[in-house]
Amino acid sequence: SERPKELNARIEVALTQAMDELACEAKSRDPAHFSM
């Protein structure tokens, strides 16, 4: 029974977290954080 507005907010939070984590790894410039 979740409404789209509530779901959209949860997706935004999850995507923001993934983007923040990727940004930290990108700024480290360390390829060891990644699989090629």
PDB file of all heavy atoms in Angstrom:
ATOM      1  N   SER A   1       0.821  -1.226   0.000  1.00  0.00           N
ATOM      2  CA  SER A   1       0.000   0.000   0.000  1.00  0.00           C
ATOM      3  C   SER A   1       0.853   1.274   0.000  1.00  0.00           C
ATOM      4  O   SER A   1       0.359   2.346   0.376  1.00  0.00           O
ATOM      5  CB  SER A   1      -0.951   0.012   1.206  1.00  0.00           C
ATOM      6  OG  SER A   1      -1.783  -1.132   1.203  1.00  0.00           O
ATOM      7  N   GLU A   2       2.102   1.178  -0.418  1.00  0.00           N
ATOM      8  CA  GLU A   2       2.965   2.366  -0.439  1.00  0.00           C
ATOM      9  C   GLU A   2       2.580   3.290  -1.583  1.00  0.00           C
ATOM     10  O   GLU A   2       2.319   2.841  -2.708  1.00  0.00           O
ATOM     11  CB  GLU A   2       4.433   1.964  -0.573  1.00  0.00           C
ATOM     12  CG  GLU A   2       5.403   3.132  -0.440  1.00  0.00           C
ATOM     13  CD  GLU A   2       6.846   2.685  -0.303  1.00  0.00           C
ATOM     14  OE1 GLU A   2       7.167   1.572  -0.764  1.00  0.00           O
ATOM     15  OE2 GLU A   2       7.650   3.442   0.263  1.00  0.00           O
ATOM     16  N   ARG A   3       2.562   4.574  -1.316  1.00  0.00           N
ATOM     17  CA  ARG A   3       2.249   5.558  -2.339  1.00  0.00           C
ATOM     18  C   ARG A   3       3.513   5.914  -3.123  1.00  0.00           C
ATOM     19  O   ARG A   3       4.623   5.887  -2.578  1.00  0.00           O
ATOM     20  CB  ARG A   3       1.659   6.811  -1.707  1.00  0.00           C
ATOM     21  CG  ARG A   3       0.310   6.567  -1.016  1.00  0.00           C
ATOM     22  CD  ARG A   3      -0.226   7.847  -0.416  1.00  0.00           C
ATOM     23  NE  ARG A   3      -1.534   7.635   0.216  1.00  0.00           N
ATOM     24  CZ  ARG A   3      -2.224   8.578   0.831  1.00  0.00           C
ATOM     25  NH1 ARG A   3      -1.730   9.812   0.900  1.00  0.00           N
ATOM     26  NH2 ARG A   3      -3.396   8.300   1.367  1.00  0.00           N
ATOM     27  N   PRO A   4       3.351   6.274  -4.411  1.00  0.00           N
ATOM     28  CA  PRO A   4       4.516   6.618  -5.219  1.00  0.00           C
ATOM     29  C   PRO A   4       5.385   7.719  -4.604  1.00  0.00           C
ATOM     30  O   PRO A   4       6.622   7.658  -4.696  1.00  0.00           O
ATOM     31  CB  PRO A   4       3.895   7.062  -6.553  1.00  0.00           C
ATOM     32  CG  PRO A   4       2.612   6.304  -6.628  1.00  0.00           C
ATOM     33  CD  PRO A   4       2.105   6.239  -5.214  1.00  0.00           C
ATOM     34  N   LYS A   5       4.769   8.720  -3.972  1.00  0.00           N
ATOM     35  CA  LYS A   5       5.553   9.804  -3.391  1.00  0.00           C
ATOM     36  C   LYS A   5       6.469   9.293  -2.288  1.00  0.00           C
ATOM     37  O   LYS A   5       7.640   9.709  -2.189  1.00  0.00           O
ATOM     38  CB  LYS A   5       4.620  10.892  -2.837  1.00  0.00           C
ATOM     39  CG  LYS A   5       5.359  12.123  -2.314  1.00  0.00           C
ATOM     40  CD  LYS A   5       4.369  13.193  -1.874  1.00  0.00           C
ATOM     41  CE  LYS A   5       5.114  14.442  -1.366  1.00  0.00           C
ATOM     42  NZ  LYS A   5       4.144  15.498  -0.943  1.00  0.00           N
ATOM     43  N   GLU A   6       5.966   8.389  -1.469  1.00  0.00           N
ATOM     44  CA  GLU A   6       6.776   7.828  -0.394  1.00  0.00           C
ATOM     45  C   GLU A   6       7.900   6.960  -0.965  1.00  0.00           C
ATOM     46  O   GLU A   6       9.051   7.013  -0.508  1.00  0.00           O
ATOM     47  CB  GLU A   6       5.889   7.001   0.541  1.00  0.00           C
ATOM     48  CG  GLU A   6       4.801   7.817   1.234  1.00  0.00           C
ATOM     49  CD  GLU A   6       3.734   6.934   1.850  1.00  0.00           C
ATOM     50  OE1 GLU A   6       3.706   5.723   1.532  1.00  0.00           O
ATOM     51  OE2 GLU A   6       2.928   7.446   2.645  1.00  0.00           O
ATOM     52  N   LEU A   7       7.568   6.164  -1.963  1.00  0.00           N
ATOM     53  CA  LEU A   7       8.579   5.309  -2.591  1.00  0.00           C
ATOM     54  C   LEU A   7       9.648   6.149  -3.272  1.00  0.00           C
ATOM     55  O   LEU A   7      10.844   5.847  -3.179  1.00  0.00           O
ATOM     56  CB  LEU A   7       7.912   4.377  -3.600  1.00  0.00           C
ATOM     57  CG  LEU A   7       8.853   3.466  -4.386  1.00  0.00           C
ATOM     58  CD1 LEU A   7       9.638   2.552  -3.468  1.00  0.00           C
ATOM     59  CD2 LEU A   7       8.062   2.664  -5.421  1.00  0.00           C
ATOM     60  N   ASN A   8       9.236   7.210  -3.954  1.00  0.00           N
ATOM     61  CA  ASN A   8      10.201   8.067  -4.637  1.00  0.00           C
ATOM     62  C   ASN A   8      11.212   8.649  -3.655  1.00  0.00           C
ATOM     63  O   ASN A   8      12.419   8.717  -3.944  1.00  0.00           O
ATOM     64  CB  ASN A   8       9.470   9.195  -5.369  1.00  0.00           C
ATOM     65  CG  ASN A   8      10.357   9.916  -6.360  1.00  0.00           C
ATOM     66  OD1 ASN A   8      10.796   9.340  -7.345  1.00  0.00           O
ATOM     67  ND2 ASN A   8      10.646  11.185  -6.100  1.00  0.00           N
ATOM     68  N   ALA A   9      10.741   9.041  -2.469  1.00  0.00           N
ATOM     69  CA  ALA A   9      11.639   9.591  -1.448  1.00  0.00           C
ATOM     70  C   ALA A   9      12.649   8.539  -0.997  1.00  0.00           C
ATOM     71  O   ALA A   9      13.835   8.844  -0.787  1.00  0.00           O
ATOM     72  CB  ALA A   9      10.829  10.108  -0.264  1.00  0.00           C
ATOM     73  N   ARG A  10      12.220   7.290  -0.858  1.00  0.00           N
ATOM     74  CA  ARG A  10      13.136   6.237  -0.434  1.00  0.00           C
ATOM     75  C   ARG A  10      14.156   5.924  -1.528  1.00  0.00           C
ATOM     76  O   ARG A  10      15.332   5.652  -1.236  1.00  0.00           O
ATOM     77  CB  ARG A  10      12.361   4.976  -0.063  1.00  0.00           C
ATOM     78  CG  ARG A  10      11.519   5.118   1.203  1.00  0.00           C
ATOM     79  CD  ARG A  10      11.198   3.771   1.822  1.00  0.00           C
ATOM     80  NE  ARG A  10      10.381   2.924   0.982  1.00  0.00           N
ATOM     81  CZ  ARG A  10      10.744   1.704   0.574  1.00  0.00           C
ATOM     82  NH1 ARG A  10      11.921   1.218   0.915  1.00  0.00           N
ATOM     83  NH2 ARG A  10       9.926   0.982  -0.184  1.00  0.00           N
ATOM     84  N   ILE A  11      13.726   5.972  -2.781  1.00  0.00           N
ATOM     85  CA  ILE A  11      14.672   5.738  -3.882  1.00  0.00           C
ATOM     86  C   ILE A  11      15.706   6.862  -3.932  1.00  0.00           C
ATOM     87  O   ILE A  11      16.899   6.621  -4.152  1.00  0.00           O
ATOM     88  CB  ILE A  11      13.922   5.618  -5.215  1.00  0.00           C
ATOM     89  CG1 ILE A  11      12.976   4.412  -5.193  1.00  0.00           C
ATOM     90  CG2 ILE A  11      14.910   5.482  -6.376  1.00  0.00           C
ATOM     91  CD1 ILE A  11      12.059   4.336  -6.405  1.00  0.00           C
ATOM     92  N   GLU A  12      15.266   8.107  -3.730  1.00  0.00           N
ATOM     93  CA  GLU A  12      16.195   9.231  -3.712  1.00  0.00           C
ATOM     94  C   GLU A  12      17.259   9.054  -2.633  1.00  0.00           C
ATOM     95  O   GLU A  12      18.442   9.332  -2.859  1.00  0.00           O
ATOM     96  CB  GLU A  12      15.435  10.534  -3.504  1.00  0.00           C
ATOM     97  CG  GLU A  12      14.628  10.983  -4.715  1.00  0.00           C
ATOM     98  CD  GLU A  12      13.820  12.238  -4.450  1.00  0.00           C
ATOM     99  OE1 GLU A  12      13.588  12.578  -3.266  1.00  0.00           O
ATOM    100  OE2 GLU A  12      13.411  12.894  -5.434  1.00  0.00           O
ATOM    101  N   VAL A  13      16.846   8.607  -1.449  1.00  0.00           N
ATOM    102  CA  VAL A  13      17.798   8.392  -0.353  1.00  0.00           C
ATOM    103  C   VAL A  13      18.801   7.305  -0.723  1.00  0.00           C
ATOM    104  O   VAL A  13      20.022   7.461  -0.528  1.00  0.00           O
ATOM    105  CB  VAL A  13      17.052   8.023   0.945  1.00  0.00           C
ATOM    106  CG1 VAL A  13      18.036   7.543   2.018  1.00  0.00           C
ATOM    107  CG2 VAL A  13      16.262   9.216   1.464  1.00  0.00           C
ATOM    108  N   ALA A  14      18.315   6.194  -1.276  1.00  0.00           N
ATOM    109  CA  ALA A  14      19.196   5.082  -1.635  1.00  0.00           C
ATOM    110  C   ALA A  14      20.170   5.472  -2.745  1.00  0.00           C
ATOM    111  O   ALA A  14      21.356   5.112  -2.705  1.00  0.00           O
ATOM    112  CB  ALA A  14      18.368   3.876  -2.060  1.00  0.00           C
ATOM    113  N   LEU A  15      19.683   6.215  -3.744  1.00  0.00           N
ATOM    114  CA  LEU A  15      20.561   6.640  -4.831  1.00  0.00           C
ATOM    115  C   LEU A  15      21.583   7.653  -4.330  1.00  0.00           C
ATOM    116  O   LEU A  15      22.765   7.603  -4.706  1.00  0.00           O
ATOM    117  CB  LEU A  15      19.732   7.230  -5.974  1.00  0.00           C
ATOM    118  CG  LEU A  15      20.531   7.722  -7.191  1.00  0.00           C
ATOM    119  CD1 LEU A  15      21.402   6.620  -7.771  1.00  0.00           C
ATOM    120  CD2 LEU A  15      19.590   8.264  -8.263  1.00  0.00           C
ATOM    121  N   THR A  16      21.167   8.575  -3.478  1.00  0.00           N
ATOM    122  CA  THR A  16      22.096   9.554  -2.917  1.00  0.00           C
ATOM    123  C   THR A  16      23.208   8.864  -2.149  1.00  0.00           C
ATOM    124  O   THR A  16      24.394   9.236  -2.267  1.00  0.00           O
ATOM    125  CB  THR A  16      21.357  10.538  -1.993  1.00  0.00           C
ATOM    126  OG1 THR A  16      20.352  11.225  -2.743  1.00  0.00           O
ATOM    127  CG2 THR A  16      22.317  11.554  -1.396  1.00  0.00           C
ATOM    128  N   GLN A  17      22.865   7.845  -1.363  1.00  0.00           N
ATOM    129  CA  GLN A  17      23.877   7.125  -0.598  1.00  0.00           C
ATOM    130  C   GLN A  17      24.885   6.452  -1.530  1.00  0.00           C
ATOM    131  O   GLN A  17      26.099   6.506  -1.289  1.00  0.00           O
ATOM    132  CB  GLN A  17      23.219   6.080   0.300  1.00  0.00           C
ATOM    133  CG  GLN A  17      24.220   5.290   1.147  1.00  0.00           C
ATOM    134  CD  GLN A  17      23.551   4.288   2.071  1.00  0.00           C
ATOM    135  OE1 GLN A  17      22.327   4.323   2.246  1.00  0.00           O
ATOM    136  NE2 GLN A  17      24.319   3.400   2.660  1.00  0.00           N
ATOM    137  N   ALA A  18      24.388   5.813  -2.596  1.00  0.00           N
ATOM    138  CA  ALA A  18      25.291   5.170  -3.557  1.00  0.00           C
ATOM    139  C   ALA A  18      26.184   6.200  -4.241  1.00  0.00           C
ATOM    140  O   ALA A  18      27.385   5.960  -4.442  1.00  0.00           O
ATOM    141  CB  ALA A  18      24.484   4.396  -4.587  1.00  0.00           C
ATOM    142  N   MET A  19      25.631   7.360  -4.584  1.00  0.00           N
ATOM    143  CA  MET A  19      26.422   8.414  -5.225  1.00  0.00           C
ATOM    144  C   MET A  19      27.470   8.969  -4.268  1.00  0.00           C
ATOM    145  O   MET A  19      28.605   9.254  -4.679  1.00  0.00           O
ATOM    146  CB  MET A  19      25.488   9.524  -5.722  1.00  0.00           C
ATOM    147  CG  MET A  19      24.596   9.095  -6.883  1.00  0.00           C
ATOM    148  SD  MET A  19      23.280  10.295  -7.263  1.00  0.00           S
ATOM    149  CE  MET A  19      24.251  11.718  -7.778  1.00  0.00           C
ATOM    150  N   ASP A  20      27.116   9.135  -3.000  1.00  0.00           N
ATOM    151  CA  ASP A  20      28.075   9.641  -2.013  1.00  0.00           C
ATOM    152  C   ASP A  20      29.227   8.657  -1.825  1.00  0.00           C
ATOM    153  O   ASP A  20      30.404   9.052  -1.741  1.00  0.00           O
ATOM    154  CB  ASP A  20      27.387   9.888  -0.672  1.00  0.00           C
ATOM    155  CG  ASP A  20      26.481  11.108  -0.684  1.00  0.00           C
ATOM    156  OD1 ASP A  20      26.579  11.919  -1.621  1.00  0.00           O
ATOM    157  OD2 ASP A  20      25.662  11.244   0.253  1.00  0.00           O
ATOM    158  N   GLU A  21      28.904   7.368  -1.751  1.00  0.00           N
ATOM    159  CA  GLU A  21      29.947   6.360  -1.580  1.00  0.00           C
ATOM    160  C   GLU A  21      30.856   6.305  -2.797  1.00  0.00           C
ATOM    161  O   GLU A  21      32.086   6.190  -2.666  1.00  0.00           O
ATOM    162  CB  GLU A  21      29.296   5.000  -1.323  1.00  0.00           C
ATOM    163  CG  GLU A  21      28.602   4.926   0.039  1.00  0.00           C
ATOM    164  CD  GLU A  21      27.744   3.684   0.193  1.00  0.00           C
ATOM    165  OE1 GLU A  21      27.525   2.984  -0.827  1.00  0.00           O
ATOM    166  OE2 GLU A  21      27.294   3.412   1.314  1.00  0.00           O
ATOM    167  N   LEU A  22      30.271   6.395  -3.982  1.00  0.00           N
ATOM    168  CA  LEU A  22      31.085   6.390  -5.197  1.00  0.00           C
ATOM    169  C   LEU A  22      31.954   7.639  -5.275  1.00  0.00           C
ATOM    170  O   LEU A  22      33.116   7.570  -5.704  1.00  0.00           O
ATOM    171  CB  LEU A  22      30.184   6.289  -6.429  1.00  0.00           C
ATOM    172  CG  LEU A  22      30.907   6.187  -7.780  1.00  0.00           C
ATOM    173  CD1 LEU A  22      31.777   4.939  -7.832  1.00  0.00           C
ATOM    174  CD2 LEU A  22      29.910   6.190  -8.939  1.00  0.00           C
ATOM    175  N   ALA A  23      31.418   8.775  -4.855  1.00  0.00           N
ATOM    176  CA  ALA A  23      32.198  10.018  -4.883  1.00  0.00           C
ATOM    177  C   ALA A  23      33.430   9.908  -3.988  1.00  0.00           C
ATOM    178  O   ALA A  23      34.525  10.363  -4.359  1.00  0.00           O
ATOM    179  CB  ALA A  23      31.320  11.187  -4.442  1.00  0.00           C
ATOM    180  N   CYS A  24      33.275   9.315  -2.810  1.00  0.00           N
ATOM    181  CA  CYS A  24      34.421   9.147  -1.901  1.00  0.00           C
ATOM    182  C   CYS A  24      35.484   8.262  -2.541  1.00  0.00           C
ATOM    183  O   CYS A  24      36.686   8.550  -2.454  1.00  0.00           O
ATOM    184  CB  CYS A  24      33.962   8.547  -0.579  1.00  0.00           C
ATOM    185  SG  CYS A  24      33.034   9.669   0.477  1.00  0.00           S
ATOM    186  N   GLU A  25      35.054   7.202  -3.192  1.00  0.00           N
ATOM    187  CA  GLU A  25      36.019   6.310  -3.826  1.00  0.00           C
ATOM    188  C   GLU A  25      36.657   6.967  -5.045  1.00  0.00           C
ATOM    189  O   GLU A  25      37.847   6.763  -5.317  1.00  0.00           O
ATOM    190  CB  GLU A  25      35.316   5.008  -4.213  1.00  0.00           C
ATOM    191  CG  GLU A  25      34.906   4.191  -2.996  1.00  0.00           C
ATOM    192  CD  GLU A  25      33.959   3.067  -3.323  1.00  0.00           C
ATOM    193  OE1 GLU A  25      33.254   3.144  -4.352  1.00  0.00           O
ATOM    194  OE2 GLU A  25      33.919   2.104  -2.541  1.00  0.00           O
ATOM    195  N   ALA A  26      35.886   7.761  -5.772  1.00  0.00           N
ATOM    196  CA  ALA A  26      36.448   8.468  -6.925  1.00  0.00           C
ATOM    197  C   ALA A  26      37.518   9.458  -6.474  1.00  0.00           C
ATOM    198  O   ALA A  26      38.581   9.577  -7.095  1.00  0.00           O
ATOM    199  CB  ALA A  26      35.342   9.190  -7.684  1.00  0.00           C
ATOM    200  N   LYS A  27      37.244  10.169  -5.379  1.00  0.00           N
ATOM    201  CA  LYS A  27      38.202  11.168  -4.883  1.00  0.00           C
ATOM    202  C   LYS A  27      39.463  10.519  -4.337  1.00  0.00           C
ATOM    203  O   LYS A  27      40.525  11.143  -4.318  1.00  0.00           O
ATOM    204  CB  LYS A  27      37.536  12.035  -3.822  1.00  0.00           C
ATOM    205  CG  LYS A  27      36.533  13.030  -4.396  1.00  0.00           C
ATOM    206  CD  LYS A  27      35.986  13.989  -3.360  1.00  0.00           C
ATOM    207  CE  LYS A  27      34.995  13.339  -2.449  1.00  0.00           C
ATOM    208  NZ  LYS A  27      34.327  14.324  -1.551  1.00  0.00           N
ATOM    209  N   SER A  28      39.372   9.266  -3.905  1.00  0.00           N
ATOM    210  CA  SER A  28      40.573   8.575  -3.412  1.00  0.00           C
ATOM    211  C   SER A  28      41.546   8.251  -4.539  1.00  0.00           C
ATOM    212  O   SER A  28      42.730   8.025  -4.288  1.00  0.00           O
ATOM    213  CB  SER A  28      40.173   7.275  -2.711  1.00  0.00           C
ATOM    214  OG  SER A  28      39.829   6.265  -3.642  1.00  0.00           O
ATOM    215  N   ARG A  29      41.054   8.186  -5.761  1.00  0.00           N
ATOM    216  CA  ARG A  29      41.860   7.870  -6.949  1.00  0.00           C
ATOM    217  C   ARG A  29      42.563   6.519  -6.802  1.00  0.00           C
ATOM    218  O   ARG A  29      43.643   6.302  -7.364  1.00  0.00           O
ATOM    219  CB  ARG A  29      42.880   8.986  -7.219  1.00  0.00           C
ATOM    220  CG  ARG A  29      42.278  10.363  -7.343  1.00  0.00           C
ATOM    221  CD  ARG A  29      43.341  11.439  -7.375  1.00  0.00           C
ATOM    222  NE  ARG A  29      44.068  11.449  -8.621  1.00  0.00           N
ATOM    223  CZ  ARG A  29      43.770  12.208  -9.671  1.00  0.00           C
ATOM    224  NH1 ARG A  29      42.708  13.018  -9.617  1.00  0.00           N
ATOM    225  NH2 ARG A  29      44.495  12.169 -10.772  1.00  0.00           N
ATOM    226  N   ASP A  30      41.947   5.619  -6.054  1.00  0.00           N
ATOM    227  CA  ASP A  30      42.559   4.325  -5.768  1.00  0.00           C
ATOM    228  C   ASP A  30      41.810   3.234  -6.520  1.00  0.00           C
ATOM    229  O   ASP A  30      40.681   2.876  -6.145  1.00  0.00           O
ATOM    230  CB  ASP A  30      42.524   4.058  -4.262  1.00  0.00           C
ATOM    231  CG  ASP A  30      43.248   2.767  -3.891  1.00  0.00           C
ATOM    232  OD1 ASP A  30      43.680   2.034  -4.803  1.00  0.00           O
ATOM    233  OD2 ASP A  30      43.375   2.495  -2.678  1.00  0.00           O
ATOM    234  N   PRO A  31      42.408   2.640  -7.549  1.00  0.00           N
ATOM    235  CA  PRO A  31      41.711   1.605  -8.315  1.00  0.00           C
ATOM    236  C   PRO A  31      41.443   0.340  -7.515  1.00  0.00           C
ATOM    237  O   PRO A  31      40.643  -0.501  -7.931  1.00  0.00           O
ATOM    238  CB  PRO A  31      42.667   1.327  -9.484  1.00  0.00           C
ATOM    239  CG  PRO A  31      43.998   1.811  -9.025  1.00  0.00           C
ATOM    240  CD  PRO A  31      43.737   2.960  -8.115  1.00  0.00           C
ATOM    241  N   ALA A  32      42.092   0.198  -6.346  1.00  0.00           N
ATOM    242  CA  ALA A  32      41.858  -0.988  -5.520  1.00  0.00           C
ATOM    243  C   ALA A  32      40.432  -1.054  -4.987  1.00  0.00           C
ATOM    244  O   ALA A  32      39.971  -2.111  -4.560  1.00  0.00           O
ATOM    245  CB  ALA A  32      42.845  -1.014  -4.355  1.00  0.00           C
ATOM    246  N   HIS A  33      39.712   0.069  -5.002  1.00  0.00           N
ATOM    247  CA  HIS A  33      38.321   0.086  -4.552  1.00  0.00           C
ATOM    248  C   HIS A  33      37.375  -0.516  -5.594  1.00  0.00           C
ATOM    249  O   HIS A  33      36.183  -0.685  -5.317  1.00  0.00           O
ATOM    250  CB  HIS A  33      37.869   1.517  -4.259  1.00  0.00           C
ATOM    251  CG  HIS A  33      38.496   2.119  -3.045  1.00  0.00           C
ATOM    252  ND1 HIS A  33      38.460   1.522  -1.810  1.00  0.00           N
ATOM    253  CD2 HIS A  33      39.186   3.283  -2.887  1.00  0.00           C
ATOM    254  CE1 HIS A  33      39.087   2.283  -0.929  1.00  0.00           C
ATOM    255  NE2 HIS A  33      39.534   3.352  -1.550  1.00  0.00           N
ATOM    256  N   PHE A  34      37.890  -0.814  -6.773  1.00  0.00           N
ATOM    257  CA  PHE A  34      37.032  -1.174  -7.896  1.00  0.00           C
ATOM    258  C   PHE A  34      37.448  -2.487  -8.547  1.00  0.00           C
ATOM    259  O   PHE A  34      38.614  -2.888  -8.477  1.00  0.00           O
ATOM    260  CB  PHE A  34      37.084  -0.077  -8.976  1.00  0.00           C
ATOM    261  CG  PHE A  34      36.638   1.276  -8.520  1.00  0.00           C
ATOM    262  CD1 PHE A  34      37.522   2.139  -7.886  1.00  0.00           C
ATOM    263  CD2 PHE A  34      35.330   1.695  -8.716  1.00  0.00           C
ATOM    264  CE1 PHE A  34      37.101   3.396  -7.458  1.00  0.00           C
ATOM    265  CE2 PHE A  34      34.907   2.941  -8.300  1.00  0.00           C
ATOM    266  CZ  PHE A  34      35.807   3.797  -7.673  1.00  0.00           C
ATOM    267  N   SER A  35      36.486  -3.114  -9.181  1.00  0.00           N
ATOM    268  CA  SER A  35      36.758  -4.185 -10.129  1.00  0.00           C
ATOM    269  C   SER A  35      36.772  -3.578 -11.527  1.00  0.00           C
ATOM    270  O   SER A  35      35.937  -2.733 -11.847  1.00  0.00           O
ATOM    271  CB  SER A  35      35.666  -5.259 -10.066  1.00  0.00           C
ATOM    272  OG  SER A  35      35.593  -5.837  -8.788  1.00  0.00           O
ATOM    273  N   MET A  36      37.729  -3.993 -12.333  1.00  0.00           N
ATOM    274  CA  MET A  36      37.814  -3.458 -13.691  1.00  0.00           C
ATOM    275  C   MET A  36      36.910  -4.268 -14.619  1.00  0.00           C
ATOM    276  O   MET A  36      37.071  -5.474 -14.749  1.00  0.00           O
ATOM    277  CB  MET A  36      39.250  -3.480 -14.200  1.00  0.00           C
ATOM    278  CG  MET A  36      39.396  -2.790 -15.549  1.00  0.00           C
ATOM    279  SD  MET A  36      41.068  -2.864 -16.189  1.00  0.00           S
ATOM    280  CE  MET A  36      41.957  -1.981 -14.902  1.00  0.00           C
TER     281      MET A  36
END
